[in-house]
Amino acid sequence: MQEVENRLSEVQLRIGQACHRVGRDPAEVNMVAVTKYVDLDRTRQVLNAGCLHLGESRVQDAVPKWKELHNRGTWHMIGHLQRNKAKEVVGRFSYLHSLESIELAKEIDRRAQSIQAKMRCFIQVNISGEGTKFGISRKELEDFTIEMANFSSIEVVGLMTMAPHIENREEIRSVFRELKECQHRLQKKQIPHVPMTELSMGMSQDFEIAIEEGATWIRLGSVLVGE
């Protein structure tokens, strides 16, 4: 427990410093503790330390934790979601950070309507163009986002991306900067059910750069919860 609290204090300090460098309010930055690689006890410690947003990427691992923890916290599905797993996510998870297909949107919308719920989603964009990453391309983004107006039980709160795991900080920065530019372009469209106010970007290795470029949600694993 003490280790998690120490990690949290260090991360909060670094968030504050990154915000100060660019004149942002640290309250604008929300933190998701990525608990997908840690067990139930460590996940409980993370909650007890005050991290109330939890990120999981494998439904089969996340749902037993969710049940054991009696729905404590706010749960984020941050990994690739197969359409046939949507039924396990809707009603348990408040946010999906990886919306990337019309078929998945249809299934989420159908499931959410059946329980009179809304699912807050980020569209995952593959800004870097890496073949190993999920997400839609920049060219597809506008048409895809306009299509989201057809799904009344989905609220597209913003965009999500992952930068390449490289040493070149300027190249990382350019990925985050481009996602911010995509957000601005889509906000001007004023698409129904698409407030587009949020940016989910930045992980343990690059969250400070992401904050400097406008991230409102950062997803922190090893730096916050440990290996």
Foldseek 3Di string as FASTA:
>chain_A
DVVLLVLVVVVLVLLVVLCVVQVHDSVLAAEEEECQPPDLVLVVVNVVSPNQEYEHADLVRVLVSCVVVVLGGAYEHEYDDDQVCLLSDAPRHQEYEDDADPSSLVSNLVNCVVVVAAHEYAAEEALVPDPVDDGHYPVCPQVVVLVSLVRPRYADQAHEYEADPDDPLVSSLVSLLVRVVSLVVNCVVVRHSYNHNAYEYEEPVRNSSNVNNPHSYYYYYCSNSND
